[in-house]
Amino acid sequence: MTAIMPDRLAIFIDGANLHATTRALHVDLDFSKLRERFAAQGRLVRALYYTAVVEGEEFSPVKPLIDWLDYNGFSVVTKPARRFIDADGRSRIKGNMDMEMAVDLLDLAPRLDHVVLFTGDGDFRRVVEAVQAKGVRVTVVSTLKSQPPQIADELRRQADVFIDLADLLPDVARRAAGSVALPPRESGALGCSLPVVQPGSSASRFRAWRRLAMRRSNGVFTPSERRGAMWVVVGCVIVASLGAAADRFISPSLGWYAQTGVGQTLDGVIEAQPLG
């Protein structure tokens, strides 16, 4: 009797695009659950995460996520983001990982049966078509259930299967029940419980954020990043001083930062404003 071999499967994640999608759906993902969800469908060959990073910054909000993924079954592909001056004279940051993803997709295709592609970028339509020509099934994960939809119509039509990320959330969303539990520490990976900002006074919010900042500064961050954590304490003092007036404009940002913990990839750090 001939044994049926499981599909050789690889996951490709466009970090900036996935972050934009989760932000549009107002959710955070548990990447450990996400990996397990698709690994159960075959023999997982690779799980790749692509993101641009800003070099030389004192505090990078995407670095803790990169470190955690590196230690927990993902291969992280990065490149430096490029700074440029726009037509209005403002400094901008640009980082695009499309070329790196396309090259790796085509390179790995002969050794795969199934590709799961987390992106809604229509620029990948032609790459998906080329991979399908090599006999590989392509599943695209993005969403139509946001305003505006995050998936390009031409990419959705090209895919063999389209999965709406909103339908996966019961399996892969991060739960927030009093605290956000990150995956356990493994060989230096991040692991801690983050206080969730609950409705209440500015004073109680200040105490929660002070505990968060001090926990973060206790050996998890580098010295320069510890200074960034201390700025959180300073911000909390300001919030507590301003009282209810501050809640109206700063609470959403604090709630986002607390619930993301290590955070999603912040649009390739292109639009990262974690406290504003």
C-alpha atoms as a PDB file:
ATOM      1  CA  MET A   1       0.000   0.000   0.000  1.00  0.00           C
ATOM      2  CA  THR A   2       1.418   3.387  -0.990  1.00  0.00           C
ATOM      3  CA  ALA A   3       1.638   5.874   1.858  1.00  0.00           C
ATOM      4  CA  ILE A   4       0.110   9.278   1.256  1.00  0.00           C
ATOM      5  CA  MET A   5       2.740  11.909   1.906  1.00  0.00           C
ATOM      6  CA  PRO A   6       1.625  15.176   3.552  1.00  0.00           C
ATOM      7  CA  ASP A   7       1.895  18.351   1.502  1.00  0.00           C
ATOM      8  CA  ARG A   8       5.161  20.253   1.759  1.00  0.00           C
ATOM      9  CA  LEU A   9       4.004  23.658   2.907  1.00  0.00           C
ATOM     10  CA  ALA A  10       5.603  27.074   3.402  1.00  0.00           C
ATOM     11  CA  ILE A  11       4.217  30.257   4.955  1.00  0.00           C
ATOM     12  CA  PHE A  12       5.233  33.637   3.529  1.00  0.00           C
ATOM     13  CA  ILE A  13       4.246  36.707   5.585  1.00  0.00           C
ATOM     14  CA  ASP A  14       4.435  40.253   4.263  1.00  0.00           C
ATOM     15  CA  GLY A  15       4.930  41.861   7.676  1.00  0.00           C
ATOM     16  CA  ALA A  16       3.968  45.422   6.790  1.00  0.00           C
ATOM     17  CA  ASN A  17       0.876  44.314   4.867  1.00  0.00           C
ATOM     18  CA  LEU A  18      -0.226  41.903   7.601  1.00  0.00           C
ATOM     19  CA  HIS A  19       0.130  44.622  10.211  1.00  0.00           C
ATOM     20  CA  ALA A  20      -2.051  46.948   8.126  1.00  0.00           C
ATOM     21  CA  THR A  21      -4.640  44.164   7.854  1.00  0.00           C
ATOM     22  CA  THR A  22      -4.735  43.395  11.584  1.00  0.00           C
ATOM     23  CA  ARG A  23      -4.925  47.103  12.348  1.00  0.00           C
ATOM     24  CA  ALA A  24      -7.898  47.420   9.990  1.00  0.00           C
ATOM     25  CA  LEU A  25      -9.593  44.523  11.808  1.00  0.00           C
ATOM     26  CA  HIS A  26      -8.639  45.927  15.254  1.00  0.00           C
ATOM     27  CA  VAL A  27      -7.023  42.667  16.382  1.00  0.00           C
ATOM     28  CA  ASP A  28      -3.622  41.282  17.318  1.00  0.00           C
ATOM     29  CA  LEU A  29      -2.328  37.896  16.203  1.00  0.00           C
ATOM     30  CA  ASP A  30      -0.747  35.101  18.182  1.00  0.00           C
ATOM     31  CA  PHE A  31       2.004  34.039  15.786  1.00  0.00           C
ATOM     32  CA  SER A  32       2.568  30.771  17.617  1.00  0.00           C
ATOM     33  CA  LYS A  33      -1.059  29.764  17.062  1.00  0.00           C
ATOM     34  CA  LEU A  34      -0.904  30.986  13.474  1.00  0.00           C
ATOM     35  CA  ARG A  35       2.103  28.774  12.736  1.00  0.00           C
ATOM     36  CA  GLU A  36       0.489  25.764  14.408  1.00  0.00           C
ATOM     37  CA  ARG A  37      -2.774  26.333  12.516  1.00  0.00           C
ATOM     38  CA  PHE A  38      -1.135  25.899   9.125  1.00  0.00           C
ATOM     39  CA  ALA A  39       1.544  23.396  10.176  1.00  0.00           C
ATOM     40  CA  ALA A  40      -1.319  21.009  10.966  1.00  0.00           C
ATOM     41  CA  GLN A  41      -2.268  20.998   7.253  1.00  0.00           C
ATOM     42  CA  GLY A  42       0.975  19.441   6.026  1.00  0.00           C
ATOM     43  CA  ARG A  43       4.731  19.224   6.567  1.00  0.00           C
ATOM     44  CA  LEU A  44       5.866  22.760   7.278  1.00  0.00           C
ATOM     45  CA  VAL A  45       9.095  23.422   5.392  1.00  0.00           C
ATOM     46  CA  ARG A  46       9.481  27.131   6.144  1.00  0.00           C
ATOM     47  CA  ALA A  47       7.658  29.956   7.900  1.00  0.00           C
ATOM     48  CA  LEU A  48       9.113  33.229   6.623  1.00  0.00           C
ATOM     49  CA  TYR A  49       8.409  36.735   7.889  1.00  0.00           C
ATOM     50  CA  TYR A  50       9.529  39.780   5.868  1.00  0.00           C
ATOM     51  CA  THR A  51       9.959  43.276   7.241  1.00  0.00           C
ATOM     52  CA  ALA A  52      12.059  46.391   6.719  1.00  0.00           C
ATOM     53  CA  VAL A  53      13.836  47.840   9.754  1.00  0.00           C
ATOM     54  CA  VAL A  54      15.093  51.309  10.556  1.00  0.00           C
ATOM     55  CA  GLU A  55      18.745  51.169  11.561  1.00  0.00           C
ATOM     56  CA  GLY A  56      20.369  53.438  14.106  1.00  0.00           C
ATOM     57  CA  GLU A  57      17.202  54.253  16.059  1.00  0.00           C
ATOM     58  CA  GLU A  58      17.494  54.332  19.836  1.00  0.00           C
ATOM     59  CA  PHE A  59      14.270  52.375  20.265  1.00  0.00           C
ATOM     60  CA  SER A  60      12.842  50.119  17.562  1.00  0.00           C
ATOM     61  CA  PRO A  61       9.305  48.864  18.304  1.00  0.00           C
ATOM     62  CA  VAL A  62       9.662  46.041  15.786  1.00  0.00           C
ATOM     63  CA  LYS A  63      12.875  44.530  17.197  1.00  0.00           C
ATOM     64  CA  PRO A  64      11.236  42.560  20.069  1.00  0.00           C
ATOM     65  CA  LEU A  65       8.852  40.935  17.575  1.00  0.00           C
ATOM     66  CA  ILE A  66      11.732  40.018  15.251  1.00  0.00           C
ATOM     67  CA  ASP A  67      13.649  38.480  18.157  1.00  0.00           C
ATOM     68  CA  TRP A  68      10.644  36.439  19.275  1.00  0.00           C
ATOM     69  CA  LEU A  69       9.916  35.141  15.782  1.00  0.00           C
ATOM     70  CA  ASP A  70      13.579  34.175  15.315  1.00  0.00           C
ATOM     71  CA  TYR A  71      13.459  31.978  18.414  1.00  0.00           C
ATOM     72  CA  ASN A  72      10.062  30.426  17.725  1.00  0.00           C
ATOM     73  CA  GLY A  73      10.102  28.691  14.374  1.00  0.00           C
ATOM     74  CA  PHE A  74      10.103  31.616  11.935  1.00  0.00           C
ATOM     75  CA  SER A  75      12.820  32.696   9.536  1.00  0.00           C
ATOM     76  CA  VAL A  76      12.893  36.494   9.556  1.00  0.00           C
ATOM     77  CA  VAL A  77      14.083  38.304   6.434  1.00  0.00           C
ATOM     78  CA  THR A  78      14.938  41.964   6.919  1.00  0.00           C
ATOM     79  CA  LYS A  79      16.614  44.814   5.110  1.00  0.00           C
ATOM     80  CA  PRO A  80      17.340  48.411   6.122  1.00  0.00           C
ATOM     81  CA  ALA A  81      14.615  50.914   5.418  1.00  0.00           C
ATOM     82  CA  ARG A  82      15.687  53.895   3.290  1.00  0.00           C
ATOM     83  CA  ARG A  83      15.311  57.498   4.407  1.00  0.00           C
ATOM     84  CA  PHE A  84      14.468  60.147   1.822  1.00  0.00           C
ATOM     85  CA  ILE A  85      13.163  63.693   1.588  1.00  0.00           C
ATOM     86  CA  ASP A  86       9.784  64.115  -0.106  1.00  0.00           C
ATOM     87  CA  ALA A  87       8.643  66.980  -2.325  1.00  0.00           C
ATOM     88  CA  ASP A  88       7.531  68.971   0.716  1.00  0.00           C
ATOM     89  CA  GLY A  89      10.936  68.675   2.353  1.00  0.00           C
ATOM     90  CA  ARG A  90       9.796  66.199   4.996  1.00  0.00           C
ATOM     91  CA  SER A  91      11.900  63.196   6.019  1.00  0.00           C
ATOM     92  CA  ARG A  92      10.257  59.908   5.074  1.00  0.00           C
ATOM     93  CA  ILE A  93      11.136  56.233   5.529  1.00  0.00           C
ATOM     94  CA  LYS A  94      10.583  53.682   2.785  1.00  0.00           C
ATOM     95  CA  GLY A  95      10.935  49.933   3.075  1.00  0.00           C
ATOM     96  CA  ASN A  96       9.610  47.383   0.590  1.00  0.00           C
ATOM     97  CA  MET A  97      10.193  43.618   0.813  1.00  0.00           C
ATOM     98  CA  ASP A  98       8.295  42.581  -2.338  1.00  0.00           C
ATOM     99  CA  MET A  99      11.409  41.648  -4.312  1.00  0.00           C
ATOM    100  CA  GLU A 100      12.810  39.489  -1.501  1.00  0.00           C
ATOM    101  CA  MET A 101       9.510  37.658  -1.111  1.00  0.00           C
ATOM    102  CA  ALA A 102       9.150  37.086  -4.862  1.00  0.00           C
ATOM    103  CA  VAL A 103      12.675  35.684  -5.203  1.00  0.00           C
ATOM    104  CA  ASP A 104      12.210  33.299  -2.262  1.00  0.00           C
ATOM    105  CA  LEU A 105       8.799  32.168  -3.537  1.00  0.00           C
ATOM    106  CA  LEU A 106      10.250  31.222  -6.920  1.00  0.00           C
ATOM    107  CA  ASP A 107      13.336  29.638  -5.359  1.00  0.00           C
ATOM    108  CA  LEU A 108      11.396  27.409  -2.949  1.00  0.00           C
ATOM    109  CA  ALA A 109       8.530  26.532  -5.314  1.00  0.00           C
ATOM    110  CA  PRO A 110      10.167  23.336  -6.760  1.00  0.00           C
ATOM    111  CA  ARG A 111      10.386  21.919  -3.212  1.00  0.00           C
ATOM    112  CA  LEU A 112       6.823  22.773  -2.165  1.00  0.00           C
ATOM    113  CA  ASP A 113       3.282  21.559  -2.782  1.00  0.00           C
ATOM    114  CA  HIS A 114       1.436  24.396  -1.069  1.00  0.00           C
ATOM    115  CA  VAL A 115       2.225  28.059  -0.336  1.00  0.00           C
ATOM    116  CA  VAL A 116       0.287  30.144   2.192  1.00  0.00           C
ATOM    117  CA  LEU A 117       0.821  33.819   1.372  1.00  0.00           C
ATOM    118  CA  PHE A 118      -0.125  36.488   3.915  1.00  0.00           C
ATOM    119  CA  THR A 119      -0.536  39.645   1.854  1.00  0.00           C
ATOM    120  CA  GLY A 120      -3.167  41.606  -0.009  1.00  0.00           C
ATOM    121  CA  ASP A 121      -0.704  43.332  -2.339  1.00  0.00           C
ATOM    122  CA  GLY A 122      -1.788  43.022  -5.967  1.00  0.00           C
ATOM    123  CA  ASP A 123       1.855  43.214  -7.097  1.00  0.00           C
ATOM    124  CA  PHE A 124       2.172  39.535  -6.154  1.00  0.00           C
ATOM    125  CA  ARG A 125      -0.382  38.364  -8.725  1.00  0.00           C
ATOM    126  CA  ARG A 126       2.221  37.608 -11.387  1.00  0.00           C
ATOM    127  CA  VAL A 127       4.492  35.837  -8.893  1.00  0.00           C
ATOM    128  CA  VAL A 128       1.582  33.685  -7.720  1.00  0.00           C
ATOM    129  CA  GLU A 129       0.825  32.794 -11.336  1.00  0.00           C
ATOM    130  CA  ALA A 130       4.470  31.753 -11.894  1.00  0.00           C
ATOM    131  CA  VAL A 131       4.473  29.601  -8.752  1.00  0.00           C
ATOM    132  CA  GLN A 132       1.215  27.926  -9.786  1.00  0.00           C
ATOM    133  CA  ALA A 133       2.801  27.102 -13.168  1.00  0.00           C
ATOM    134  CA  LYS A 134       5.313  24.980 -11.218  1.00  0.00           C
ATOM    135  CA  GLY A 135       2.483  22.876  -9.789  1.00  0.00           C
ATOM    136  CA  VAL A 136       2.196  24.607  -6.415  1.00  0.00           C
ATOM    137  CA  ARG A 137      -1.164  25.481  -4.856  1.00  0.00           C
ATOM    138  CA  VAL A 138      -1.334  29.013  -3.468  1.00  0.00           C
ATOM    139  CA  THR A 139      -3.550  30.119  -0.598  1.00  0.00           C
ATOM    140  CA  VAL A 140      -3.752  33.870  -0.006  1.00  0.00           C
ATOM    141  CA  VAL A 141      -4.718  35.240   3.413  1.00  0.00           C
ATOM    142  CA  SER A 142      -5.971  38.824   3.758  1.00  0.00           C
ATOM    143  CA  THR A 143      -9.392  40.361   4.355  1.00  0.00           C
ATOM    144  CA  LEU A 144     -12.438  41.740   2.608  1.00  0.00           C
ATOM    145  CA  LYS A 145     -14.115  42.541   5.922  1.00  0.00           C
ATOM    146  CA  SER A 146     -12.425  45.863   6.553  1.00  0.00           C
ATOM    147  CA  GLN A 147     -13.066  49.322   5.138  1.00  0.00           C
ATOM    148  CA  PRO A 148     -11.455  49.515   2.702  1.00  0.00           C
ATOM    149  CA  PRO A 149     -10.772  45.825   1.909  1.00  0.00           C
ATOM    150  CA  GLN A 150      -7.091  44.909   2.259  1.00  0.00           C
ATOM    151  CA  ILE A 151      -6.974  42.342  -0.582  1.00  0.00           C
ATOM    152  CA  ALA A 152      -6.424  43.390  -4.197  1.00  0.00           C
ATOM    153  CA  ASP A 153      -9.082  41.877  -6.445  1.00  0.00           C
ATOM    154  CA  GLU A 154      -6.566  40.609  -9.018  1.00  0.00           C
ATOM    155  CA  LEU A 155      -4.615  38.716  -6.345  1.00  0.00           C
ATOM    156  CA  ARG A 156      -7.757  37.160  -4.885  1.00  0.00           C
ATOM    157  CA  ARG A 157      -8.834  35.964  -8.326  1.00  0.00           C
ATOM    158  CA  GLN A 158      -5.409  34.463  -9.036  1.00  0.00           C
ATOM    159  CA  ALA A 159      -5.166  32.485  -5.791  1.00  0.00           C
ATOM    160  CA  ASP A 160      -6.267  28.855  -5.679  1.00  0.00           C
ATOM    161  CA  VAL A 161      -7.834  29.528  -2.291  1.00  0.00           C
ATOM    162  CA  PHE A 162      -8.580  32.820  -0.556  1.00  0.00           C
ATOM    163  CA  ILE A 163      -8.965  32.824   3.249  1.00  0.00           C
ATOM    164  CA  ASP A 164     -10.330  35.886   4.976  1.00  0.00           C
ATOM    165  CA  LEU A 165      -8.185  36.591   8.019  1.00  0.00           C
ATOM    166  CA  ALA A 166     -11.315  37.584   9.924  1.00  0.00           C
ATOM    167  CA  ASP A 167     -12.511  33.966   9.646  1.00  0.00           C
ATOM    168  CA  LEU A 168      -9.248  32.712  11.185  1.00  0.00           C
ATOM    169  CA  LEU A 169      -9.412  34.946  14.247  1.00  0.00           C
ATOM    170  CA  PRO A 170     -11.075  32.372  16.540  1.00  0.00           C
ATOM    171  CA  ASP A 171      -7.971  30.230  16.028  1.00  0.00           C
ATOM    172  CA  VAL A 172      -5.149  32.770  15.769  1.00  0.00           C
ATOM    173  CA  ALA A 173      -6.181  35.980  17.563  1.00  0.00           C
ATOM    174  CA  ARG A 174      -4.434  36.930  20.761  1.00  0.00           C
ATOM    175  CA  ARG A 175      -6.731  36.738  23.765  1.00  0.00           C
ATOM    176  CA  ALA A 176      -6.856  39.567  26.305  1.00  0.00           C
ATOM    177  CA  ALA A 177      -8.362  38.438  29.599  1.00  0.00           C
ATOM    178  CA  GLY A 178      -6.859  40.604  32.325  1.00  0.00           C
ATOM    179  CA  SER A 179      -3.409  40.226  30.789  1.00  0.00           C
ATOM    180  CA  VAL A 180      -1.939  39.426  27.431  1.00  0.00           C
ATOM    181  CA  ALA A 181       0.084  36.233  27.735  1.00  0.00           C
ATOM    182  CA  LEU A 182       2.919  36.062  25.277  1.00  0.00           C
ATOM    183  CA  PRO A 183       4.404  32.683  24.305  1.00  0.00           C
ATOM    184  CA  PRO A 184       6.838  31.238  26.885  1.00  0.00           C
ATOM    185  CA  ARG A 185      10.469  32.305  26.989  1.00  0.00           C
ATOM    186  CA  GLU A 186      12.673  30.055  24.893  1.00  0.00           C
ATOM    187  CA  SER A 187      16.433  30.522  24.591  1.00  0.00           C
ATOM    188  CA  GLY A 188      16.250  34.241  25.184  1.00  0.00           C
ATOM    189  CA  ALA A 189      12.898  34.852  23.488  1.00  0.00           C
ATOM    190  CA  LEU A 190      10.542  37.342  25.024  1.00  0.00           C
ATOM    191  CA  GLY A 191       8.059  36.125  27.569  1.00  0.00           C
ATOM    192  CA  CYS A 192       6.019  38.179  30.015  1.00  0.00           C
ATOM    193  CA  SER A 193       2.484  39.216  30.883  1.00  0.00           C
ATOM    194  CA  LEU A 194       1.484  42.695  29.864  1.00  0.00           C
ATOM    195  CA  PRO A 195      -1.150  44.620  31.811  1.00  0.00           C
ATOM    196  CA  VAL A 196      -4.163  45.446  29.687  1.00  0.00           C
ATOM    197  CA  VAL A 197      -5.325  49.023  30.042  1.00  0.00           C
ATOM    198  CA  GLN A 198      -8.817  48.747  31.481  1.00  0.00           C
ATOM    199  CA  PRO A 199     -11.369  51.571  31.584  1.00  0.00           C
ATOM    200  CA  GLY A 200     -10.745  53.639  34.685  1.00  0.00           C
ATOM    201  CA  SER A 201      -8.955  56.612  36.069  1.00  0.00           C
ATOM    202  CA  SER A 202      -5.760  58.071  34.693  1.00  0.00           C
ATOM    203  CA  ALA A 203      -4.087  57.249  37.995  1.00  0.00           C
ATOM    204  CA  SER A 204      -4.820  53.516  37.660  1.00  0.00           C
ATOM    205  CA  ARG A 205      -3.668  53.617  34.045  1.00  0.00           C
ATOM    206  CA  PHE A 206      -0.471  55.312  35.178  1.00  0.00           C
ATOM    207  CA  ARG A 207       0.232  52.566  37.742  1.00  0.00           C
ATOM    208  CA  ALA A 208      -0.277  49.823  35.138  1.00  0.00           C
ATOM    209  CA  TRP A 209       2.020  51.497  32.655  1.00  0.00           C
ATOM    210  CA  ARG A 210       4.677  52.149  35.282  1.00  0.00           C
ATOM    211  CA  ARG A 211       4.710  48.412  36.075  1.00  0.00           C
ATOM    212  CA  LEU A 212       4.914  47.622  32.349  1.00  0.00           C
ATOM    213  CA  ALA A 213       7.771  50.040  31.769  1.00  0.00           C
ATOM    214  CA  MET A 214       9.798  48.766  34.720  1.00  0.00           C
ATOM    215  CA  ARG A 215       9.216  45.142  33.727  1.00  0.00           C
ATOM    216  CA  ARG A 216      10.358  45.936  30.214  1.00  0.00           C
ATOM    217  CA  SER A 217      13.452  47.682  31.531  1.00  0.00           C
ATOM    218  CA  ASN A 218      14.420  44.702  33.682  1.00  0.00           C
ATOM    219  CA  GLY A 219      16.754  42.885  31.327  1.00  0.00           C
ATOM    220  CA  VAL A 220      14.459  42.520  28.326  1.00  0.00           C
ATOM    221  CA  PHE A 221      15.647  45.573  26.427  1.00  0.00           C
ATOM    222  CA  THR A 222      19.124  46.797  25.642  1.00  0.00           C
ATOM    223  CA  PRO A 223      20.390  49.839  27.613  1.00  0.00           C
ATOM    224  CA  SER A 224      19.246  52.228  24.895  1.00  0.00           C
ATOM    225  CA  GLU A 225      15.840  50.565  24.785  1.00  0.00           C
ATOM    226  CA  ARG A 226      15.568  50.819  28.578  1.00  0.00           C
ATOM    227  CA  ARG A 227      15.771  54.557  28.177  1.00  0.00           C
ATOM    228  CA  GLY A 228      12.822  54.272  25.797  1.00  0.00           C
ATOM    229  CA  ALA A 229      10.896  52.359  28.470  1.00  0.00           C
ATOM    230  CA  MET A 230      11.593  55.097  30.966  1.00  0.00           C
ATOM    231  CA  TRP A 231      10.027  57.597  28.558  1.00  0.00           C
ATOM    232  CA  VAL A 232       6.848  55.542  28.958  1.00  0.00           C
ATOM    233  CA  VAL A 233       6.972  56.318  32.686  1.00  0.00           C
ATOM    234  CA  VAL A 234       7.359  60.014  31.898  1.00  0.00           C
ATOM    235  CA  GLY A 235       4.372  59.821  29.541  1.00  0.00           C
ATOM    236  CA  CYS A 236       2.321  58.118  32.245  1.00  0.00           C
ATOM    237  CA  VAL A 237       3.094  60.905  34.702  1.00  0.00           C
ATOM    238  CA  ILE A 238       1.796  63.381  32.131  1.00  0.00           C
ATOM    239  CA  VAL A 239      -1.361  61.317  31.599  1.00  0.00           C
ATOM    240  CA  ALA A 240      -1.983  61.094  35.333  1.00  0.00           C
ATOM    241  CA  SER A 241      -1.497  64.846  35.663  1.00  0.00           C
ATOM    242  CA  LEU A 242      -3.831  65.775  32.832  1.00  0.00           C
ATOM    243  CA  GLY A 243      -6.572  63.505  34.130  1.00  0.00           C
ATOM    244  CA  ALA A 244      -9.722  62.740  32.146  1.00  0.00           C
ATOM    245  CA  ALA A 245      -8.845  65.165  29.366  1.00  0.00           C
ATOM    246  CA  ALA A 246      -5.874  63.013  28.400  1.00  0.00           C
ATOM    247  CA  ASP A 247      -7.992  59.850  28.279  1.00  0.00           C
ATOM    248  CA  ARG A 248      -9.841  61.052  25.205  1.00  0.00           C
ATOM    249  CA  PHE A 249      -6.785  61.194  22.973  1.00  0.00           C
ATOM    250  CA  ILE A 250      -4.112  58.993  24.552  1.00  0.00           C
ATOM    251  CA  SER A 251      -6.062  55.964  25.834  1.00  0.00           C
ATOM    252  CA  PRO A 252      -6.511  54.360  22.400  1.00  0.00           C
ATOM    253  CA  SER A 253      -2.773  54.510  21.777  1.00  0.00           C
ATOM    254  CA  LEU A 254      -1.918  53.120  25.215  1.00  0.00           C
ATOM    255  CA  GLY A 255      -4.467  50.356  24.824  1.00  0.00           C
ATOM    256  CA  TRP A 256      -2.994  49.409  21.458  1.00  0.00           C
ATOM    257  CA  TYR A 257       0.559  49.325  22.815  1.00  0.00           C
ATOM    258  CA  ALA A 258      -0.405  47.296  25.871  1.00  0.00           C
ATOM    259  CA  GLN A 259      -2.354  44.708  23.941  1.00  0.00           C
ATOM    260  CA  THR A 260       0.215  44.245  21.211  1.00  0.00           C
ATOM    261  CA  GLY A 261       3.012  43.671  23.690  1.00  0.00           C
ATOM    262  CA  VAL A 262       5.928  42.996  21.426  1.00  0.00           C
ATOM    263  CA  GLY A 263       3.684  44.463  18.758  1.00  0.00           C
ATOM    264  CA  GLN A 264       2.916  43.616  15.216  1.00  0.00           C
ATOM    265  CA  THR A 265       5.323  44.797  12.567  1.00  0.00           C
ATOM    266  CA  LEU A 266       4.647  48.500  12.518  1.00  0.00           C
ATOM    267  CA  ASP A 267       4.114  48.927   8.784  1.00  0.00           C
ATOM    268  CA  GLY A 268       7.774  48.043   8.346  1.00  0.00           C
ATOM    269  CA  VAL A 269       8.379  50.790  10.945  1.00  0.00           C
ATOM    270  CA  ILE A 270       7.363  53.213   8.202  1.00  0.00           C
ATOM    271  CA  GLU A 271       4.456  54.662  10.148  1.00  0.00           C
ATOM    272  CA  ALA A 272       5.425  53.550  13.662  1.00  0.00           C
ATOM    273  CA  GLN A 273       4.030  55.887  16.289  1.00  0.00           C
ATOM    274  CA  PRO A 274       3.516  53.609  19.315  1.00  0.00           C
ATOM    275  CA  LEU A 275       2.745  56.326  21.838  1.00  0.00           C
ATOM    276  CA  GLY A 276       1.061  58.997  19.705  1.00  0.00           C
END
